[in-house]
Protein backbone atom coordinates (compact mmCIF):
# COMPACT_ATOMS: atom_id res chain seq x y z
CA TYR A 1 46.80 53.62 -1.81
CA GLU A 2 44.53 53.38 -4.82
CA LEU A 3 42.08 55.97 -6.08
CA LEU A 4 38.96 54.95 -8.00
CA ALA A 5 36.88 57.53 -9.87
CA VAL A 6 33.32 56.19 -10.07
CA PRO A 7 31.04 57.76 -12.71
CA VAL A 8 27.51 58.39 -11.39
CA LEU A 9 24.37 60.03 -12.77
CA PHE A 10 24.96 61.80 -16.09
CA ASP A 11 28.35 63.50 -15.74
CA ASN A 12 29.29 63.30 -12.04
CA PHE A 13 32.20 61.59 -10.35
CA VAL A 14 32.42 60.22 -6.83
CA TYR A 15 35.71 58.86 -5.54
CA LEU A 16 36.97 55.96 -3.46
CA ILE A 17 40.33 56.13 -1.70
CA CYS A 18 41.35 52.54 -1.00
CA ARG A 19 43.97 50.79 1.10
CA ASP A 20 44.22 47.16 2.22
CA GLY A 21 40.63 46.30 1.34
CA GLN A 22 39.13 49.37 3.03
CA ALA A 23 37.81 52.53 1.40
CA VAL A 24 36.51 56.02 2.08
CA LEU A 25 34.02 57.62 -0.33
CA ILE A 26 34.07 61.27 -1.38
CA ASP A 27 30.54 62.38 -2.29
CA ALA A 28 27.62 60.08 -2.94
CA GLY A 29 25.45 61.29 -5.79
CA GLU A 30 24.14 57.79 -6.53
CA ALA A 31 24.31 54.56 -4.54
CA LYS A 32 24.13 51.77 -7.11
CA PRO A 33 27.49 52.39 -8.90
CA VAL A 34 29.18 52.69 -5.49
CA PHE A 35 27.77 49.34 -4.31
CA GLN A 36 28.86 47.77 -7.59
CA THR A 37 32.42 49.12 -7.32
CA LEU A 38 32.76 48.07 -3.66
CA GLU A 39 31.62 44.57 -4.59
CA ASN A 40 33.80 44.30 -7.69
CA GLU A 41 36.89 45.48 -5.81
CA ASN A 42 36.04 43.60 -2.60
CA LEU A 43 36.19 46.76 -0.48
CA GLN A 44 34.80 47.61 2.95
CA LEU A 45 33.52 51.19 3.11
CA LEU A 46 34.37 53.07 6.32
CA ASP A 47 33.14 56.65 5.83
CA ILE A 48 31.68 59.16 3.38
CA LEU A 49 33.11 62.68 3.06
CA ILE A 50 30.70 65.20 1.54
CA THR A 51 31.85 68.35 -0.30
CA HIS A 52 28.42 70.06 -0.41
CA ASN A 53 24.76 69.23 -0.10
CA HIS A 54 23.49 69.40 -3.69
CA GLY A 55 21.51 66.31 -4.66
CA ASP A 56 23.97 65.15 -7.30
CA HIS A 57 26.56 64.86 -4.51
CA VAL A 58 24.43 63.44 -1.67
CA ASP A 59 21.37 61.62 -3.04
CA GLY A 60 23.00 58.19 -2.63
CA CYS A 61 24.02 58.84 0.96
CA ARG A 62 21.01 57.43 2.78
CA ALA A 63 20.97 54.16 0.81
CA ILE A 64 24.70 53.65 1.38
CA GLN A 65 24.44 54.48 5.08
CA ASP A 66 21.43 52.21 5.56
CA ARG A 67 22.97 49.23 3.80
CA LEU A 68 26.55 49.51 5.08
CA GLY A 69 26.09 51.22 8.45
CA VAL A 70 28.62 53.95 7.68
CA LEU A 71 28.49 57.59 8.66
CA SER A 72 28.91 60.63 6.42
CA VAL A 73 30.88 63.73 7.31
CA SER A 74 28.89 66.90 6.62
CA PRO A 75 30.54 69.84 4.86
CA GLY A 76 29.25 71.86 7.83
CA VAL A 77 31.85 70.28 10.14
CA GLU A 78 34.60 72.76 10.91
CA SER A 79 37.86 72.66 8.95
CA ARG A 80 40.30 70.20 10.46
CA GLU A 81 43.00 67.60 9.93
CA PHE A 82 42.08 63.97 10.50
CA ASP A 83 43.28 60.48 9.67
CA VAL A 84 41.91 58.64 6.63
CA LEU A 85 43.23 55.13 6.10
CA GLY A 86 46.50 56.01 7.78
CA THR A 87 47.19 59.26 5.94
CA VAL A 88 46.36 62.89 6.72
CA CYS A 89 43.27 64.50 5.24
CA ARG A 90 42.86 68.24 5.60
CA SER A 91 39.38 69.65 5.09
CA PHE A 92 39.06 73.35 4.44
CA ALA A 93 36.14 75.66 3.71
CA THR A 94 35.70 76.74 0.08
CA PRO A 95 32.39 78.64 -0.06
CA GLY A 96 31.30 80.28 -3.28
CA HIS A 97 29.42 77.70 -5.34
CA VAL A 98 27.27 77.34 -2.22
CA ALA A 99 27.62 78.94 1.20
CA THR A 100 28.87 75.70 2.81
CA HIS A 101 31.40 73.74 0.79
CA LYS A 102 34.45 71.74 1.81
CA CYS A 103 37.46 70.56 -0.15
CA TYR A 104 39.50 67.57 1.04
CA HIS A 105 43.27 67.71 0.59
CA PHE A 106 45.50 64.68 1.10
CA PRO A 107 48.97 66.29 1.24
CA LYS A 108 51.01 63.08 1.38
CA LEU A 109 49.07 61.60 -1.55
CA GLY A 110 49.19 64.83 -3.54
CA ILE A 111 45.46 64.89 -4.28
CA LEU A 112 42.60 67.34 -3.78
CA PHE A 113 38.89 66.59 -3.94
CA ALA A 114 37.51 69.94 -5.03
CA GLY A 115 33.79 69.20 -5.37
CA ASP A 116 32.25 71.97 -7.47
CA THR A 117 34.81 74.64 -6.53
CA VAL A 118 37.26 73.69 -9.30
CA ILE A 119 35.94 71.50 -12.11
CA ASN A 120 38.38 70.62 -14.93
CA GLY A 121 39.11 74.01 -16.45
CA GLY A 122 36.22 75.80 -14.78
CA CYS A 123 34.32 76.32 -11.54
CA GLY A 124 30.78 75.85 -10.27
CA ARG A 125 28.05 78.43 -10.64
CA ILE A 126 27.38 80.81 -7.76
CA MET A 127 24.33 79.23 -6.12
CA GLY A 128 24.36 80.44 -2.53
CA GLY A 129 27.84 81.86 -2.02
CA THR A 130 29.25 85.21 -3.14
CA PRO A 131 31.88 86.17 -5.74
CA GLU A 132 34.12 87.36 -2.90
CA GLN A 133 33.87 84.01 -1.12
CA PHE A 134 34.48 82.09 -4.34
CA PHE A 135 37.51 84.16 -5.30
CA ASP A 136 39.03 83.66 -1.83
CA SER A 137 38.37 79.90 -2.06
CA LEU A 138 40.18 79.73 -5.40
CA GLN A 139 43.15 81.58 -3.91
CA ALA A 140 43.31 78.98 -1.12
CA ILE A 141 43.39 76.19 -3.71
CA LYS A 142 46.03 78.01 -5.77
CA ALA A 143 48.28 78.04 -2.70
CA LEU A 144 48.48 74.21 -2.65
CA PRO A 145 51.52 72.48 -4.19
CA ASP A 146 51.56 72.65 -8.00
CA ASP A 147 51.83 68.86 -8.37
CA THR A 148 48.53 68.30 -6.52
CA ILE A 149 46.08 66.41 -8.76
CA VAL A 150 42.62 68.05 -8.72
CA PHE A 151 39.54 65.82 -8.71
CA GLY A 152 36.33 67.75 -9.33
CA GLY A 153 32.73 66.66 -9.15
CA HIS A 154 31.93 66.50 -12.88
CA ASP A 155 33.19 66.03 -16.40
CA TYR A 156 32.51 69.50 -17.82
CA LEU A 157 35.83 69.69 -19.61
CA VAL A 158 34.74 70.33 -23.21
CA ASP A 159 32.31 73.10 -22.29
CA ASN A 160 34.76 74.61 -19.81
CA LEU A 161 37.70 74.61 -22.20
CA ASN A 162 35.61 76.00 -25.05
CA PHE A 163 34.68 78.89 -22.74
CA ALA A 164 38.30 79.26 -21.63
CA LEU A 165 39.38 79.54 -25.26
CA SER A 166 36.74 82.21 -25.86
CA VAL A 167 38.55 84.20 -23.15
CA GLU A 168 42.10 83.37 -24.31
CA PRO A 169 41.90 82.09 -27.93
CA ASP A 170 45.69 81.81 -28.27
CA ASN A 171 46.32 79.87 -25.04
CA ALA A 172 48.26 76.81 -26.23
CA ASP A 173 47.86 75.03 -22.88
CA MET A 174 44.06 75.23 -23.16
CA GLN A 175 44.19 73.99 -26.75
CA SER A 176 46.45 71.10 -25.73
CA ARG A 177 44.27 70.02 -22.80
CA LEU A 178 41.14 70.04 -24.95
CA ALA A 179 42.90 67.99 -27.65
CA ARG A 180 44.14 65.49 -25.05
CA TYR A 181 40.57 64.91 -23.89
CA ARG A 182 39.72 63.32 -27.22
CA SER A 183 42.39 60.63 -26.88
CA ASP A 184 42.69 60.23 -23.08
CA PRO A 185 39.75 61.83 -21.22
CA SER A 186 40.96 60.92 -17.72
CA ALA A 187 44.39 62.49 -18.26
CA ALA A 188 42.72 65.74 -19.35
CA ILE A 189 40.00 65.80 -16.67
CA PHE A 190 42.19 64.97 -13.66
CA ALA A 191 45.01 67.45 -14.11
CA LYS A 192 47.70 68.72 -11.79
CA LEU A 193 47.07 72.10 -10.19
CA GLU A 194 49.97 73.47 -12.21
CA GLU A 195 48.07 72.74 -15.43
CA GLU A 196 44.77 73.87 -13.91
CA LYS A 197 46.36 77.27 -13.26
CA ARG A 198 47.40 77.51 -16.91
CA THR A 199 44.06 76.40 -18.38
CA ASN A 200 41.36 77.55 -15.95
CA PRO A 201 40.33 81.18 -16.50
CA PHE A 202 38.77 81.40 -13.04
CA LEU A 203 42.06 80.49 -11.38
CA ARG A 204 43.77 82.99 -13.69
CA ALA A 205 41.55 85.88 -12.60
CA ALA A 206 43.66 88.42 -10.69
CA THR A 207 40.84 90.22 -8.86
CA VAL A 208 37.40 89.42 -7.51
CA ASP A 209 35.85 91.78 -10.08
CA GLU A 210 37.58 89.94 -12.91
CA PHE A 211 36.38 86.62 -11.47
CA ALA A 212 32.78 87.87 -11.12
CA GLU A 213 32.77 89.15 -14.70
CA LEU A 214 34.08 85.81 -16.00
CA ARG A 215 31.50 83.88 -13.98
CA SER A 216 28.67 86.03 -15.37
CA ARG A 217 29.94 85.43 -18.92
CA LYS A 218 30.18 81.67 -18.33
CA ASP A 219 26.59 81.58 -17.03
CA LEU A 220 25.45 82.83 -20.45
CA PHE A 221 27.94 80.84 -22.54
């Protein structure tokens, strides 16, 4: 298996999981970079998995579907386990950023596509969900194996880590991750859950009230 992170729009990522010349796309904020990557890598696209329906995650869907004849899986589909390129994918509901949001966990590959639920040291704004839903979703993600690599929908790392350090100025793990971004952005952005737990204040919140207070502060940061 190979994983390709494809930059789209201004600061978004969509992802291609590839095996033996075939690929599945996670999110589709923009079509052109996806077409280019498929062509460059000589890949046949089979499906699109969508985390949530914001435009920066779905606006390329129609063009990709029309050109390649593939289907997309809505985040409204119930949570389930299904086969993707010969390995198990487990979708589970993670409302909070919006009311309907799915994460896609590939347990055998040790990867999680977290959409805008967990985004390199932070989390999405509350734009349709509730603090209670979001907190519960973060607890579900925290329960995954620590060596799971988390792939979020954006590169917000600098802003997120600057906020995190305003909450915990002496957190050496946060300082280290921010410093690593300057020399190796990918290694800092796509971190293991273990590091995410040490550097993400929203995953470190112990109660829903603490989470809600942090989220309100981040909105004004």
